[in-house]
Amino acid sequence: MKLSKAQESNASAFVEWVNSFDRLSHSCTQITDLSDGIILFEVLAHIDAKWFKLIRSADLSDNWVLKFNNLKKLYKLVTRYYEEVLGQQDFTDKIPNINLTAIAKDADADEILKLCQLVIVIAVLNDNNSIYIEKMQSLSQSSQHALMVCIEQVMVIVQGRSAEPGGNLPSMGTQRQASFNEGETVSRHQFESNRMALEKEELENAHQQLIEEHGQLRYKYDELEAEKAELKSRLHDMDSAVAQANETGKADFIMRTEIDHLKQDLQRSEDRRQESEMLLDSQSITISDLTKRVS
């Protein structure tokens, strides 16, 4: 099944996120590489090694039955984690069904994305979530946005907002629901805080680089001003010499040719000066804007 544009963005984001983890048995180049569950197991083992124990058989070849059994074990551990660790009772009743057979047999990308969403929410809600939020923060801006949308989709489901906006989950105790909500809020705020800090750092670097370029351009502009003044002086001297020669009847072709050359040089110098002046004005506006944004 062909993925929509949004799904393709999500798939690329999950591939980039998975590859941010160290010591994977192999890299992930496309979302279908996750169809056997091995890499997802390794990611989850990194998040909580006690809960998600790595399977020993890393070679499932093309046997879809073996892949299915591995995915089934993975899915069972994931849903139990939500229920027993995150306090989400009856979790499987709240989330859309994930077709593990379609993943194992056909590497169905849409179903893989559903499974990936459950995995990444575990990363941002576990006790060491700051580590994994930082990993997300290192990704491209497009991937960060896509992952945040995917995380929010799961949060909406588990908190029952679609059925009862703003209400607590009926099957959860108030204390557990409050704990889960607090974890979600802290994770989202921390992620957003890290994203803004990185964006500010990038703006500050761009600001500093532009100031340096502006200084170099200002120096070049001053040189062109000096060159223009020198050419004007030479042209004035040559005009005076020609005028004097005309009075004595000694003006010749060479002197007039030299004057023409000086005029051409002066025009080229003026063109370069005006171009530099326009760049300076443009950079000044950009620097002013960046200064306001990093303040």
Protein backbone atom coordinates (compact mmCIF):
# COMPACT_ATOMS: atom_id res chain seq x y z
CA MET A 1 0.00 0.00 0.00
CA LYS A 2 1.33 3.39 -1.01
CA LEU A 3 1.99 5.73 1.89
CA SER A 4 0.59 9.23 2.02
CA LYS A 5 2.95 12.19 2.10
CA ALA A 6 2.47 12.53 5.86
CA GLN A 7 3.14 8.83 6.38
CA GLU A 8 6.30 9.06 4.28
CA SER A 9 7.47 11.93 6.50
CA ASN A 10 6.72 9.85 9.58
CA ALA A 11 8.55 6.87 8.14
CA SER A 12 11.64 8.96 7.39
CA ALA A 13 11.50 10.44 10.89
CA PHE A 14 11.33 7.03 12.56
CA VAL A 15 14.23 5.74 10.45
CA GLU A 16 16.33 8.74 11.49
CA TRP A 17 15.32 8.29 15.13
CA VAL A 18 16.09 4.57 15.22
CA ASN A 19 19.53 5.18 13.72
CA SER A 20 20.33 7.62 16.53
CA PHE A 21 20.70 4.63 18.87
CA ASP A 22 24.11 3.04 19.38
CA ARG A 23 25.06 -0.60 19.05
CA LEU A 24 22.27 -1.70 16.72
CA SER A 25 22.88 -5.02 14.98
CA HIS A 26 22.40 -3.25 11.65
CA SER A 27 21.38 0.18 10.46
CA CYS A 28 17.88 0.99 9.28
CA THR A 29 17.67 2.44 5.77
CA GLN A 30 13.90 2.30 5.32
CA ILE A 31 10.86 1.70 7.48
CA THR A 32 10.40 -1.85 6.17
CA ASP A 33 13.74 -2.79 7.76
CA LEU A 34 11.82 -2.84 11.04
CA SER A 35 9.40 -5.52 9.87
CA ASP A 36 11.09 -8.37 11.77
CA GLY A 37 11.05 -6.50 15.09
CA ILE A 38 14.75 -7.03 15.78
CA ILE A 39 15.85 -3.39 15.61
CA LEU A 40 12.79 -2.28 17.59
CA PHE A 41 13.67 -4.85 20.25
CA GLU A 42 17.20 -3.41 20.40
CA VAL A 43 15.84 0.13 20.74
CA LEU A 44 13.48 -0.92 23.53
CA ALA A 45 16.27 -2.85 25.28
CA HIS A 46 18.26 0.38 25.26
CA ILE A 47 15.32 2.19 26.87
CA ASP A 48 14.56 -0.46 29.50
CA ALA A 49 16.93 -3.43 29.43
CA LYS A 50 15.21 -5.25 32.30
CA TRP A 51 11.80 -5.19 30.73
CA PHE A 52 12.75 -5.71 27.10
CA LYS A 53 15.27 -8.52 27.07
CA LEU A 54 16.95 -8.97 23.70
CA ILE A 55 16.06 -12.05 21.73
CA ARG A 56 19.03 -14.25 20.96
CA SER A 57 18.15 -15.19 17.40
CA ALA A 58 19.00 -12.23 15.21
CA ASP A 59 18.59 -14.16 11.95
CA LEU A 60 14.95 -14.60 11.04
CA SER A 61 15.78 -14.85 7.31
CA ASP A 62 12.62 -14.53 5.20
CA ASN A 63 10.50 -16.83 7.33
CA TRP A 64 7.43 -14.74 8.02
CA VAL A 65 6.25 -17.10 10.76
CA LEU A 66 9.44 -16.50 12.75
CA LYS A 67 9.05 -12.78 12.18
CA PHE A 68 5.44 -12.94 13.33
CA ASN A 69 6.38 -14.76 16.54
CA ASN A 70 9.07 -12.18 17.24
CA LEU A 71 6.66 -9.30 16.60
CA LYS A 72 4.02 -10.95 18.76
CA LYS A 73 6.47 -11.16 21.66
CA LEU A 74 7.49 -7.53 21.10
CA TYR A 75 3.89 -6.31 20.97
CA LYS A 76 2.99 -8.22 24.13
CA LEU A 77 5.89 -6.67 26.06
CA VAL A 78 5.05 -3.19 24.76
CA THR A 79 1.39 -3.37 25.75
CA ARG A 80 2.25 -4.84 29.15
CA TYR A 81 4.72 -1.98 29.67
CA TYR A 82 1.94 0.54 29.10
CA GLU A 83 -0.35 -1.31 31.48
CA GLU A 84 2.04 -2.31 34.25
CA VAL A 85 4.73 0.39 34.17
CA LEU A 86 2.84 3.40 32.81
CA GLY A 87 -0.42 2.46 34.53
CA GLN A 88 -2.51 2.30 31.36
CA GLN A 89 -5.05 -0.39 32.21
CA ASP A 90 -6.79 -2.13 29.30
CA PHE A 91 -4.34 -0.43 26.96
CA THR A 92 -4.98 -2.77 24.02
CA ASP A 93 -8.67 -1.85 24.10
CA LYS A 94 -7.86 1.82 23.54
CA ILE A 95 -5.40 1.65 20.66
CA PRO A 96 -6.07 0.75 17.02
CA ASN A 97 -5.40 -2.86 16.11
CA ILE A 98 -1.94 -3.52 14.69
CA ASN A 99 -1.85 -6.22 12.01
CA LEU A 100 1.31 -8.12 12.93
CA THR A 101 0.70 -10.65 10.15
CA ALA A 102 0.77 -7.88 7.54
CA ILE A 103 4.05 -6.64 8.99
CA ALA A 104 5.65 -10.10 9.04
CA LYS A 105 4.42 -11.24 5.61
CA ASP A 106 4.32 -8.02 3.60
CA ALA A 107 6.39 -5.53 5.62
CA ASP A 108 3.29 -3.30 5.67
CA ALA A 109 4.68 0.18 6.31
CA ASP A 110 1.43 1.61 7.68
CA GLU A 111 1.24 -1.11 10.35
CA ILE A 112 4.94 -0.71 11.15
CA LEU A 113 4.36 3.00 11.77
CA LYS A 114 1.63 2.18 14.31
CA LEU A 115 4.05 -0.06 16.18
CA CYS A 116 6.80 2.56 16.04
CA GLN A 117 4.45 5.12 17.60
CA LEU A 118 3.96 2.90 20.64
CA VAL A 119 7.72 2.44 20.95
CA ILE A 120 8.62 6.12 20.82
CA VAL A 121 6.01 7.09 23.43
CA ILE A 122 7.66 4.62 25.80
CA ALA A 123 10.93 6.46 25.17
CA VAL A 124 9.50 9.84 26.16
CA LEU A 125 7.58 8.57 29.20
CA ASN A 126 10.13 6.31 30.85
CA ASP A 127 12.22 7.44 33.83
CA ASN A 128 15.25 8.26 31.64
CA ASN A 129 13.24 10.18 29.07
CA SER A 130 15.68 13.11 29.01
CA ILE A 131 18.20 10.89 27.20
CA TYR A 132 15.77 10.01 24.44
CA ILE A 133 14.30 13.48 24.16
CA GLU A 134 17.85 14.71 23.60
CA LYS A 135 18.25 12.12 20.84
CA MET A 136 15.11 13.44 19.17
CA GLN A 137 16.42 16.96 19.56
CA SER A 138 19.47 16.00 17.47
CA LEU A 139 17.29 15.05 14.51
CA SER A 140 16.28 17.30 11.64
CA GLN A 141 13.52 19.82 12.28
CA SER A 142 11.15 17.97 9.94
CA SER A 143 11.74 14.69 11.78
CA GLN A 144 11.25 16.35 15.17
CA HIS A 145 7.91 17.76 14.05
CA ALA A 146 6.75 14.44 12.59
CA LEU A 147 7.67 12.53 15.75
CA MET A 148 5.93 15.04 18.02
CA VAL A 149 2.74 14.59 15.97
CA CYS A 150 3.04 10.79 16.23
CA ILE A 151 3.57 11.01 20.00
CA GLU A 152 0.57 13.29 20.42
CA GLN A 153 -1.63 10.87 18.46
CA VAL A 154 -0.90 8.12 20.98
CA MET A 155 -1.39 10.50 23.91
CA VAL A 156 -4.82 11.44 22.58
CA ILE A 157 -5.81 7.78 22.40
CA VAL A 158 -4.57 6.69 25.81
CA GLN A 159 -6.05 9.71 27.55
CA GLY A 160 -9.43 9.16 25.94
CA ARG A 161 -9.74 12.70 24.62
CA SER A 162 -11.62 11.63 21.51
CA ALA A 163 -14.37 10.08 23.63
CA GLU A 164 -14.38 12.53 26.51
CA PRO A 165 -12.31 15.69 25.96
CA GLY A 166 -10.40 16.62 29.06
CA GLY A 167 -11.71 13.64 31.02
CA ASN A 168 -9.76 11.00 32.89
CA LEU A 169 -9.57 7.45 31.64
CA PRO A 170 -12.43 5.57 33.25
CA SER A 171 -10.35 2.46 33.89
CA MET A 172 -7.52 4.26 35.66
CA GLY A 173 -7.13 5.49 39.19
CA THR A 174 -6.84 9.22 39.65
CA GLN A 175 -3.31 9.02 41.00
CA ARG A 176 -2.04 6.93 38.10
CA GLN A 177 -3.77 9.13 35.55
CA ALA A 178 -2.25 12.23 37.16
CA SER A 179 1.16 10.58 37.10
CA PHE A 180 0.81 9.70 33.44
CA ASN A 181 -0.42 13.19 32.55
CA GLU A 182 2.46 14.73 34.46
CA GLY A 183 4.93 12.51 32.63
CA GLU A 184 3.44 13.49 29.30
CA THR A 185 3.50 17.20 30.15
CA VAL A 186 7.08 17.12 31.42
CA SER A 187 8.23 15.18 28.37
CA ARG A 188 6.55 17.55 25.96
CA HIS A 189 7.82 20.63 27.77
CA GLN A 190 11.34 19.25 28.00
CA PHE A 191 11.35 18.32 24.34
CA GLU A 192 10.07 21.76 23.39
CA SER A 193 12.58 23.43 25.71
CA ASN A 194 15.45 21.49 24.17
CA ARG A 195 14.20 22.28 20.67
CA MET A 196 14.04 25.99 21.46
CA ALA A 197 17.50 25.92 23.05
CA LEU A 198 18.96 24.29 19.94
CA GLU A 199 17.17 26.74 17.68
CA LYS A 200 18.49 29.65 19.74
CA GLU A 201 22.03 28.26 19.54
CA GLU A 202 21.72 27.93 15.76
CA LEU A 203 20.42 31.51 15.54
CA GLU A 204 23.28 32.78 17.69
CA ASN A 205 25.82 30.99 15.49
CA ALA A 206 24.18 32.39 12.35
CA HIS A 207 24.12 35.82 13.96
CA GLN A 208 27.83 35.69 14.82
CA GLN A 209 28.77 34.39 11.38
CA LEU A 210 26.77 37.14 9.70
CA ILE A 211 28.42 39.79 11.87
CA GLU A 212 31.84 38.50 10.79
CA GLU A 213 30.81 38.47 7.13
CA HIS A 214 29.37 41.95 7.57
CA GLY A 215 32.70 43.17 8.95
CA GLN A 216 34.59 41.68 6.01
CA LEU A 217 32.16 43.25 3.57
CA ARG A 218 32.49 46.60 5.32
CA TYR A 219 36.28 46.37 4.94
CA LYS A 220 35.87 45.57 1.24
CA TYR A 221 33.46 48.48 0.87
CA ASP A 222 35.96 50.87 2.46
CA GLU A 223 38.65 49.60 0.07
CA LEU A 224 36.36 50.29 -2.89
CA GLU A 225 35.67 53.77 -1.57
CA ALA A 226 39.42 54.41 -1.38
CA GLU A 227 39.91 52.97 -4.87
CA LYS A 228 37.14 55.19 -6.21
CA ALA A 229 38.70 58.27 -4.62
CA GLU A 230 42.10 57.39 -6.10
CA LEU A 231 40.63 56.88 -9.58
CA LYS A 232 38.79 60.19 -9.34
CA SER A 233 42.02 61.91 -8.36
CA ARG A 234 43.91 60.32 -11.26
CA LEU A 235 41.12 61.23 -13.67
CA HIS A 236 41.13 64.80 -12.41
CA ASP A 237 44.90 65.01 -12.87
CA MET A 238 44.60 63.56 -16.38
CA ASP A 239 41.81 65.99 -17.31
CA SER A 240 43.98 68.85 -16.10
CA ALA A 241 46.92 67.56 -18.14
CA VAL A 242 44.76 67.27 -21.27
CA ALA A 243 43.33 70.74 -20.78
CA GLN A 244 46.85 72.13 -20.43
CA ALA A 245 48.00 70.18 -23.48
CA ASN A 246 45.08 71.51 -25.51
CA GLU A 247 46.12 75.01 -24.64
CA THR A 248 49.59 74.35 -25.97
CA GLY A 249 48.30 72.20 -28.85
CA LYS A 250 50.08 69.05 -27.62
CA ALA A 251 47.12 66.79 -26.66
CA ASP A 252 47.47 63.37 -28.25
CA PHE A 253 45.56 60.12 -28.70
CA ILE A 254 47.43 58.27 -25.93
CA MET A 255 46.33 60.72 -23.26
CA ARG A 256 42.70 60.59 -24.37
CA THR A 257 42.82 56.77 -24.40
CA GLU A 258 44.20 56.77 -20.85
CA ILE A 259 41.35 59.03 -19.75
CA ASP A 260 38.80 56.65 -21.29
CA HIS A 261 40.40 53.74 -19.44
CA LEU A 262 40.29 55.63 -16.17
CA LYS A 263 36.62 56.44 -16.68
CA GLN A 264 35.88 52.76 -17.33
CA ASP A 265 37.81 51.73 -14.20
CA LEU A 266 35.95 54.34 -12.21
CA GLN A 267 32.59 53.05 -13.44
CA ARG A 268 33.49 49.45 -12.59
CA SER A 269 34.64 50.53 -9.16
CA GLU A 270 31.39 52.41 -8.61
CA ASP A 271 29.35 49.37 -9.70
CA ARG A 272 31.20 47.15 -7.21
CA ARG A 273 30.78 49.77 -4.50
CA GLN A 274 27.03 50.01 -5.07
CA GLU A 275 26.73 46.22 -5.04
CA SER A 276 28.62 46.05 -1.75
CA GLU A 277 26.46 48.82 -0.34
CA MET A 278 23.30 46.86 -1.18
CA LEU A 279 24.73 43.74 0.47
CA LEU A 280 25.66 45.75 3.54
CA ASP A 281 22.14 47.12 3.83
CA SER A 282 20.64 43.64 3.43
CA GLN A 283 22.98 42.15 6.02
CA SER A 284 22.28 44.98 8.44
CA ILE A 285 18.55 44.22 8.28
CA THR A 286 19.19 40.48 8.77
CA ILE A 287 21.55 41.12 11.68
CA SER A 288 18.98 43.39 13.31
CA ASP A 289 16.32 40.71 12.95
CA LEU A 290 18.58 37.96 14.34
CA THR A 291 19.60 40.20 17.24
CA LYS A 292 15.94 40.58 18.23
CA ARG A 293 15.35 36.81 17.94
CA VAL A 294 18.32 35.79 20.11
CA SER A 295 17.71 38.47 22.75
